[in-house]
C-alpha atoms as a PDB file:
ATOM      1  CA  LEU A   1     -13.380  -9.894  -6.560  1.00  0.00           C
ATOM      2  CA  ALA A   2     -14.869 -11.454  -9.161  1.00  0.00           C
ATOM      3  CA  GLU A   3     -11.535 -11.308 -11.457  1.00  0.00           C
ATOM      4  CA  SER A   4      -9.513 -12.692  -8.324  1.00  0.00           C
ATOM      5  CA  ARG A   5     -11.955 -15.864  -8.260  1.00  0.00           C
ATOM      6  CA  GLN A   6     -10.951 -16.206 -12.000  1.00  0.00           C
ATOM      7  CA  PHE A   7      -6.871 -15.896 -11.778  1.00  0.00           C
ATOM      8  CA  ASP A   8      -4.122 -16.762  -9.817  1.00  0.00           C
ATOM      9  CA  SER A   9      -1.812 -13.979 -10.998  1.00  0.00           C
ATOM     10  CA  PRO A  10      -2.037 -10.621  -8.910  1.00  0.00           C
ATOM     11  CA  ALA A  11      -0.541  -9.060 -12.689  1.00  0.00           C
ATOM     12  CA  VAL A  12      -3.422 -10.391 -14.500  1.00  0.00           C
ATOM     13  CA  VAL A  13      -6.038  -9.514 -12.145  1.00  0.00           C
ATOM     14  CA  LEU A  14      -4.907  -5.812 -12.341  1.00  0.00           C
ATOM     15  CA  ALA A  15      -4.964  -6.020 -15.972  1.00  0.00           C
ATOM     16  CA  ARG A  16      -8.525  -7.616 -16.212  1.00  0.00           C
ATOM     17  CA  VAL A  17      -9.738  -4.930 -13.400  1.00  0.00           C
ATOM     18  CA  ASN A  18      -8.217  -2.320 -15.618  1.00  0.00           C
ATOM     19  CA  GLN A  19      -9.865  -3.212 -18.704  1.00  0.00           C
ATOM     20  CA  LEU A  20     -13.126  -3.318 -17.051  1.00  0.00           C
ATOM     21  CA  LEU A  21     -12.730   0.040 -15.860  1.00  0.00           C
ATOM     22  CA  ARG A  22     -11.532   1.294 -19.363  1.00  0.00           C
ATOM     23  CA  GLU A  23     -14.990  -0.362 -20.638  1.00  0.00           C
ATOM     24  CA  LEU A  24     -16.836   1.788 -18.458  1.00  0.00           C
ATOM     25  CA  GLY A  25     -15.839   4.759 -20.000  1.00  0.00           C
ATOM     26  CA  GLU A  26     -15.962   7.192 -17.403  1.00  0.00           C
ATOM     27  CA  GLN A  27     -13.070   9.521 -18.443  1.00  0.00           C
ATOM     28  CA  ASP A  28     -10.330  10.663 -15.671  1.00  0.00           C
ATOM     29  CA  MET A  29     -11.449   7.509 -13.611  1.00  0.00           C
ATOM     30  CA  PHE A  30      -8.843   6.095 -12.004  1.00  0.00           C
ATOM     31  CA  VAL A  31      -7.448   3.824  -9.638  1.00  0.00           C
ATOM     32  CA  THR A  32      -4.411   3.148  -7.512  1.00  0.00           C
ATOM     33  CA  VAL A  33      -4.380  -0.613  -6.082  1.00  0.00           C
ATOM     34  CA  PHE A  34      -1.744  -2.839  -4.310  1.00  0.00           C
ATOM     35  CA  TYR A  35      -3.051  -6.304  -4.602  1.00  0.00           C
ATOM     36  CA  GLY A  36      -1.465  -9.083  -2.840  1.00  0.00           C
ATOM     37  CA  VAL A  37      -1.687 -13.017  -2.634  1.00  0.00           C
ATOM     38  CA  LEU A  38      -0.286 -14.813   0.410  1.00  0.00           C
ATOM     39  CA  ASP A  39       0.608 -18.138   1.048  1.00  0.00           C
ATOM     40  CA  PRO A  40       0.865 -18.761   4.817  1.00  0.00           C
ATOM     41  CA  ALA A  41       2.112 -22.000   4.709  1.00  0.00           C
ATOM     42  CA  GLY A  42       4.892 -21.150   2.314  1.00  0.00           C
ATOM     43  CA  ARG A  43       5.247 -17.117   3.243  1.00  0.00           C
ATOM     44  CA  ARG A  44       5.023 -16.161   0.253  1.00  0.00           C
ATOM     45  CA  LEU A  45       3.683 -12.978  -1.000  1.00  0.00           C
ATOM     46  CA  THR A  46       2.950 -12.855  -4.329  1.00  0.00           C
ATOM     47  CA  TYR A  47       1.982  -9.267  -5.771  1.00  0.00           C
ATOM     48  CA  ALA A  48       0.897  -6.351  -8.125  1.00  0.00           C
ATOM     49  CA  ARG A  49       1.337  -2.689  -7.619  1.00  0.00           C
ATOM     50  CA  ALA A  50      -0.845  -0.007 -10.000  1.00  0.00           C
ATOM     51  CA  GLY A  51       0.442   3.138  -8.832  1.00  0.00           C
ATOM     52  CA  HIS A  52      -0.065   2.694  -5.429  1.00  0.00           C
ATOM     53  CA  ASP A  53       2.649   3.963  -2.444  1.00  0.00           C
ATOM     54  CA  ARG A  54       4.893   1.252  -2.055  1.00  0.00           C
ATOM     55  CA  PRO A  55       4.197  -1.053   0.729  1.00  0.00           C
ATOM     56  CA  LEU A  56       6.832  -1.300   3.621  1.00  0.00           C
ATOM     57  CA  LEU A  57       8.964  -4.402   5.071  1.00  0.00           C
ATOM     58  CA  LEU A  58       9.701  -4.250   8.525  1.00  0.00           C
ATOM     59  CA  ARG A  59      12.557  -6.490   8.761  1.00  0.00           C
ATOM     60  CA  ASP A  60      15.421  -7.103  11.715  1.00  0.00           C
ATOM     61  CA  GLY A  61      15.099  -2.965  12.202  1.00  0.00           C
ATOM     62  CA  ALA A  62      15.030  -1.796   8.340  1.00  0.00           C
ATOM     63  CA  ALA A  63      12.168  -0.697   6.648  1.00  0.00           C
ATOM     64  CA  THR A  64      12.165  -1.561   2.798  1.00  0.00           C
ATOM     65  CA  ALA A  65       9.678   0.116   0.068  1.00  0.00           C
ATOM     66  CA  LEU A  66       8.395  -2.845  -1.448  1.00  0.00           C
ATOM     67  CA  GLY A  67       9.138  -3.452  -5.351  1.00  0.00           C
ATOM     68  CA  GLY A  68       7.516  -3.508  -8.297  1.00  0.00           C
ATOM     69  CA  ARG A  69       6.365  -0.925 -11.289  1.00  0.00           C
ATOM     70  CA  GLY A  70       2.962  -0.233 -12.260  1.00  0.00           C
ATOM     71  CA  MET A  71       0.500   2.113 -13.471  1.00  0.00           C
ATOM     72  CA  ALA A  72      -2.809   3.272 -12.405  1.00  0.00           C
ATOM     73  CA  LEU A  73      -5.732   1.484 -13.370  1.00  0.00           C
ATOM     74  CA  GLY A  74      -8.326   2.690 -15.682  1.00  0.00           C
ATOM     75  CA  LEU A  75      -5.792   5.155 -17.573  1.00  0.00           C
ATOM     76  CA  PHE A  76      -4.801   3.367 -20.247  1.00  0.00           C
ATOM     77  CA  ASP A  77      -6.381   0.224 -22.618  1.00  0.00           C
ATOM     78  CA  ASN A  78      -4.340  -2.722 -22.156  1.00  0.00           C
ATOM     79  CA  THR A  79      -2.228  -2.560 -24.833  1.00  0.00           C
ATOM     80  CA  LEU A  80      -0.291   0.237 -22.771  1.00  0.00           C
ATOM     81  CA  PHE A  81      -1.059  -0.772 -19.566  1.00  0.00           C
ATOM     82  CA  GLN A  82       1.919  -2.264 -17.167  1.00  0.00           C
ATOM     83  CA  VAL A  83       2.574  -3.986 -14.315  1.00  0.00           C
ATOM     84  CA  SER A  84       5.469  -6.007 -12.658  1.00  0.00           C
ATOM     85  CA  GLU A  85       4.412  -9.327 -10.282  1.00  0.00           C
ATOM     86  CA  GLU A  86       6.464  -9.748  -7.917  1.00  0.00           C
ATOM     87  CA  GLU A  87       7.225 -12.033  -5.233  1.00  0.00           C
ATOM     88  CA  LEU A  88       8.562 -11.834  -1.613  1.00  0.00           C
ATOM     89  CA  LEU A  89       9.356 -14.809   1.002  1.00  0.00           C
ATOM     90  CA  LEU A  90       8.502 -13.128   4.118  1.00  0.00           C
ATOM     91  CA  ARG A  91      10.168 -14.792   7.611  1.00  0.00           C
ATOM     92  CA  ALA A  92       9.175 -15.018  10.882  1.00  0.00           C
ATOM     93  CA  GLY A  93       9.001 -11.332  12.788  1.00  0.00           C
ATOM     94  CA  ASP A  94       8.551  -9.470   9.343  1.00  0.00           C
ATOM     95  CA  ARG A  95       5.751  -6.742   9.485  1.00  0.00           C
ATOM     96  CA  LEU A  96       4.275  -5.406   6.435  1.00  0.00           C
ATOM     97  CA  VAL A  97       2.291  -2.243   6.107  1.00  0.00           C
ATOM     98  CA  LEU A  98       0.042  -0.767   3.858  1.00  0.00           C
ATOM     99  CA  TYR A  99      -0.724   2.797   3.980  1.00  0.00           C
ATOM    100  CA  THR A 100      -3.070   5.007   1.236  1.00  0.00           C
ATOM    101  CA  ASP A 101      -0.894   8.314   0.574  1.00  0.00           C
ATOM    102  CA  GLY A 102      -3.133  10.281   2.531  1.00  0.00           C
ATOM    103  CA  LEU A 103      -1.497   9.265   5.596  1.00  0.00           C
ATOM    104  CA  THR A 104       1.600  10.625   3.919  1.00  0.00           C
ATOM    105  CA  ASP A 105       0.320  13.456   2.401  1.00  0.00           C
ATOM    106  CA  ALA A 106      -1.481  14.614   5.878  1.00  0.00           C
ATOM    107  CA  ILE A 107      -0.713  18.570   6.206  1.00  0.00           C
ATOM    108  CA  SER A 108       0.520  20.485   9.575  1.00  0.00           C
ATOM    109  CA  PRO A 109      -0.472  23.621  10.010  1.00  0.00           C
ATOM    110  CA  GLU A 110       2.240  24.828   8.821  1.00  0.00           C
ATOM    111  CA  GLY A 111       1.877  23.248   5.618  1.00  0.00           C
ATOM    112  CA  ARG A 112       4.044  20.759   6.043  1.00  0.00           C
ATOM    113  CA  SER A 113       3.500  17.234   4.794  1.00  0.00           C
ATOM    114  CA  PHE A 114       4.011  14.233   6.866  1.00  0.00           C
ATOM    115  CA  GLY A 115       5.979  12.341   4.354  1.00  0.00           C
ATOM    116  CA  ARG A 116       6.787   8.771   3.763  1.00  0.00           C
ATOM    117  CA  GLU A 117      10.466   9.058   5.594  1.00  0.00           C
ATOM    118  CA  ARG A 118       8.900  11.000   8.943  1.00  0.00           C
ATOM    119  CA  LEU A 119       6.510   7.504   8.383  1.00  0.00           C
ATOM    120  CA  ILE A 120       9.347   5.135   8.612  1.00  0.00           C
ATOM    121  CA  ALA A 121      11.564   6.782  11.571  1.00  0.00           C
ATOM    122  CA  TYR A 122       8.199   6.450  13.498  1.00  0.00           C
ATOM    123  CA  LEU A 123       7.553   2.793  12.206  1.00  0.00           C
ATOM    124  CA  ARG A 124      11.560   1.975  13.130  1.00  0.00           C
ATOM    125  CA  ALA A 125      11.584   3.847  16.800  1.00  0.00           C
ATOM    126  CA  ARG A 126       8.520   1.712  17.489  1.00  0.00           C
ATOM    127  CA  ALA A 127       9.761  -2.046  15.995  1.00  0.00           C
ATOM    128  CA  GLY A 128       8.609  -2.872  19.994  1.00  0.00           C
ATOM    129  CA  VAL A 129       5.120  -1.684  19.554  1.00  0.00           C
ATOM    130  CA  ALA A 130       2.373  -4.933  19.322  1.00  0.00           C
ATOM    131  CA  THR A 131       1.327  -4.997  15.612  1.00  0.00           C
ATOM    132  CA  SER A 132      -2.546  -4.408  16.979  1.00  0.00           C
ATOM    133  CA  ASP A 133      -1.421  -1.377  18.522  1.00  0.00           C
ATOM    134  CA  LEU A 134       0.425  -0.300  15.897  1.00  0.00           C
ATOM    135  CA  CYS A 135      -2.384   1.313  13.502  1.00  0.00           C
ATOM    136  CA  ASP A 136      -3.416   3.124  16.515  1.00  0.00           C
ATOM    137  CA  ALA A 137      -0.658   4.327  17.412  1.00  0.00           C
ATOM    138  CA  ILE A 138       0.260   6.168  13.640  1.00  0.00           C
ATOM    139  CA  PHE A 139      -3.039   7.683  13.762  1.00  0.00           C
ATOM    140  CA  ALA A 140      -2.556   9.222  17.116  1.00  0.00           C
ATOM    141  CA  GLU A 141       0.955  10.860  16.054  1.00  0.00           C
ATOM    142  CA  LEU A 142      -0.780  12.258  12.677  1.00  0.00           C
ATOM    143  CA  GLU A 143      -3.935  13.853  14.497  1.00  0.00           C
ATOM    144  CA  SER A 144      -1.103  15.548  16.705  1.00  0.00           C
ATOM    145  CA  TYR A 145       0.986  16.402  13.712  1.00  0.00           C
ATOM    146  CA  GLN A 146      -2.151  17.959  11.755  1.00  0.00           C
ATOM    147  CA  GLY A 147      -3.408  19.988  14.896  1.00  0.00           C
ATOM    148  CA  THR A 148      -5.555  22.643  13.495  1.00  0.00           C
ATOM    149  CA  ALA A 149      -5.000  21.576   9.525  1.00  0.00           C
ATOM    150  CA  ASP A 150      -8.138  20.250   8.005  1.00  0.00           C
ATOM    151  CA  GLN A 151      -8.005  16.621   6.549  1.00  0.00           C
ATOM    152  CA  PHE A 152      -8.223  16.740   2.891  1.00  0.00           C
ATOM    153  CA  ASP A 153      -7.989  13.031   1.588  1.00  0.00           C
ATOM    154  CA  ASP A 154      -8.549   9.774   2.889  1.00  0.00           C
ATOM    155  CA  MET A 155      -6.382   7.679   5.476  1.00  0.00           C
ATOM    156  CA  THR A 156      -5.947   3.982   5.472  1.00  0.00           C
ATOM    157  CA  MET A 157      -3.344   1.833   6.819  1.00  0.00           C
ATOM    158  CA  LEU A 158      -3.164  -2.207   7.497  1.00  0.00           C
ATOM    159  CA  ALA A 159      -0.085  -3.942   9.290  1.00  0.00           C
ATOM    160  CA  VAL A 160       0.415  -7.373   9.712  1.00  0.00           C
ATOM    161  CA  GLU A 161       3.337  -9.928  11.313  1.00  0.00           C
ATOM    162  CA  VAL A 162       4.080 -12.987  10.281  1.00  0.00           C
ATOM    163  CA  HIS A 163       4.142 -15.109  12.876  1.00  0.00           C
END
């Protein structure tokens, strides 16, 4: 948060946070991040992705993974660290879905992962569901899918819609 107050660029903020993590000196400590800055008036999202799963843009019945490249924070010093900064113009009706890999890595009792393709299919099939109810619907589906299987990772999801 402190770095985001000093710099407007998501890529610069992530590079600064990367350096701070490196200065902590913790071996094998890393963090994946999606960091975006939304300009609601201009409907512009400027973002950088550091090793995190690609958020999904739901538009006109299609689901598209956001672009950009980047490595997890804390693994390499800034001479090797790289993230790209991307811009996306949003339209009314667009939805952005951000999620952690624990959601797509959820395992069924038979040992099969929920997977990104299943998530995308589920989101596309529920295009008419209110955004405020979409996360609850996904988590109910995941609970059913997991059945008696243990949850081994955090599961987080955020869905936003452009008006």
